[in-house]
Protein backbone atom coordinates (compact mmCIF):
# COMPACT_ATOMS: atom_id res chain seq x y z
CA MET A 1 45.99 150.38 -4.29
CA THR A 2 45.98 146.64 -4.34
CA ARG A 3 46.99 145.58 -7.82
CA GLY A 4 50.56 144.56 -8.45
CA ALA A 5 50.75 146.56 -11.68
CA GLU A 6 49.71 149.77 -9.90
CA LEU A 7 52.22 149.21 -7.10
CA SER A 8 54.97 148.40 -9.61
CA LYS A 9 54.26 151.53 -11.62
CA VAL A 10 54.60 153.79 -8.59
CA ALA A 11 57.69 151.90 -7.41
CA ARG A 12 59.26 152.27 -10.85
CA GLU A 13 58.28 155.86 -11.68
CA GLY A 14 57.80 157.46 -8.27
CA LYS A 15 60.15 159.59 -6.23
CA ARG A 16 61.66 157.85 -3.22
CA PHE A 17 62.02 158.93 0.39
CA ARG A 18 63.60 156.63 2.98
CA THR A 19 63.41 156.60 6.73
CA GLU A 20 64.93 154.16 9.19
CA HIS A 21 61.92 151.83 9.02
CA LEU A 22 60.08 152.71 5.80
CA GLU A 23 60.61 153.43 2.13
CA ILE A 24 58.00 155.76 0.66
CA ARG A 25 57.48 156.29 -3.07
CA VAL A 26 55.09 158.85 -4.53
CA ALA A 27 53.89 159.57 -8.03
CA ALA A 28 51.38 162.00 -9.49
CA SER A 29 47.90 160.62 -9.97
CA LEU A 30 45.19 161.43 -12.50
CA LEU A 31 42.49 160.69 -9.94
CA ASN A 32 40.94 163.30 -7.65
CA HIS A 33 41.82 161.43 -4.47
CA PRO A 34 44.96 159.92 -2.93
CA ARG A 35 45.68 156.20 -3.10
CA VAL A 36 48.06 154.42 -0.75
CA GLY A 37 49.48 150.93 -1.18
CA LEU A 38 51.40 148.96 1.43
CA ILE A 39 54.15 146.43 0.85
CA VAL A 40 55.19 144.32 3.84
CA PRO A 41 57.75 141.73 2.73
CA LYS A 42 58.18 138.43 4.54
CA LEU A 43 61.81 138.94 5.57
CA LYS A 44 61.73 135.68 7.58
CA HIS A 45 58.92 136.88 9.86
CA THR A 46 55.76 134.99 10.71
CA ILE A 47 52.38 135.79 9.20
CA VAL A 48 51.25 137.10 12.58
CA GLU A 49 54.10 139.63 12.66
CA ARG A 50 53.47 140.69 9.06
CA ASN A 51 49.75 141.15 9.66
CA ARG A 52 50.41 143.18 12.81
CA LEU A 53 52.71 145.50 10.88
CA LYS A 54 50.19 145.82 8.01
CA ARG A 55 47.40 146.66 10.46
CA ARG A 56 49.54 149.31 12.14
CA LEU A 57 50.49 150.95 8.85
CA ARG A 58 46.90 150.86 7.54
CA GLU A 59 45.60 152.46 10.72
CA ILE A 60 48.21 155.24 10.62
CA VAL A 61 47.41 155.98 6.98
CA ARG A 62 43.65 155.90 7.61
CA THR A 63 43.57 158.06 10.74
CA ARG A 64 46.47 160.45 10.33
CA LEU A 65 47.43 160.74 6.68
CA LEU A 66 44.67 160.13 4.17
CA ALA A 67 42.60 163.26 4.81
CA ASP A 68 45.58 165.58 4.30
CA LEU A 69 47.15 163.94 1.24
CA PRO A 70 46.87 165.56 -2.19
CA ALA A 71 45.78 163.52 -5.22
CA ILE A 72 48.80 161.22 -5.45
CA ASP A 73 49.68 157.56 -5.56
CA MET A 74 51.83 156.52 -2.61
CA VAL A 75 53.50 153.19 -1.87
CA VAL A 76 54.83 152.51 1.62
CA ARG A 77 57.27 149.61 1.84
CA ALA A 78 58.25 148.33 5.27
CA ARG A 79 61.93 147.67 5.77
CA ALA A 80 63.23 144.88 8.01
CA GLU A 81 63.63 147.30 10.93
CA ALA A 82 59.92 148.18 10.83
CA TYR A 83 58.96 144.90 12.49
CA ASP A 84 60.55 146.08 15.75
CA ALA A 85 59.33 149.70 15.57
CA SER A 86 56.61 151.07 17.82
CA PHE A 87 53.33 152.48 16.54
CA GLY A 88 54.46 156.00 17.45
CA THR A 89 57.73 155.65 15.57
CA LEU A 90 55.98 154.42 12.43
CA ALA A 91 53.43 157.25 12.70
CA ALA A 92 56.19 159.84 13.06
CA GLU A 93 58.06 158.50 10.04
CA LEU A 94 54.93 158.48 7.88
CA ALA A 95 54.16 162.04 9.00
CA LEU A 96 57.70 163.05 8.05
CA GLY A 97 57.23 161.45 4.65
CA ALA A 98 53.92 163.27 4.17
CA ALA A 99 55.58 166.58 5.08
CA LYS A 100 58.17 166.02 2.35
CA LEU A 101 55.57 165.25 -0.34
CA PRO A 102 55.44 168.73 -1.91
CA ALA A 103 59.20 168.64 -2.52
CA LEU A 104 59.03 165.11 -3.91
CA ILE A 105 56.21 165.64 -6.39
CA GLY A 106 57.09 169.23 -7.27
CA ARG A 107 53.88 170.90 -6.08
């Protein structure tokens, strides 16, 4: 997901799950495949730091999450603490969020 309206809809209507570094929101989707959007706010960090965090999150979603997700819309928002987190920590928190998906979306 890349459009602001799509991200806003999931943020507004979706169920929320928080970890130390991430906030994950999920909503049911009418499509037959999952969609994931990333929000990495500036939070007084440089563009290099923001891009590094975005690349890490995209890679985790692509390699470890996307194949196993049901047909949902998911928005992952990085919290300020995420800038200092390791790749492994972010991957573990996203995996935890994915494990909680059935309870969040009621499936």
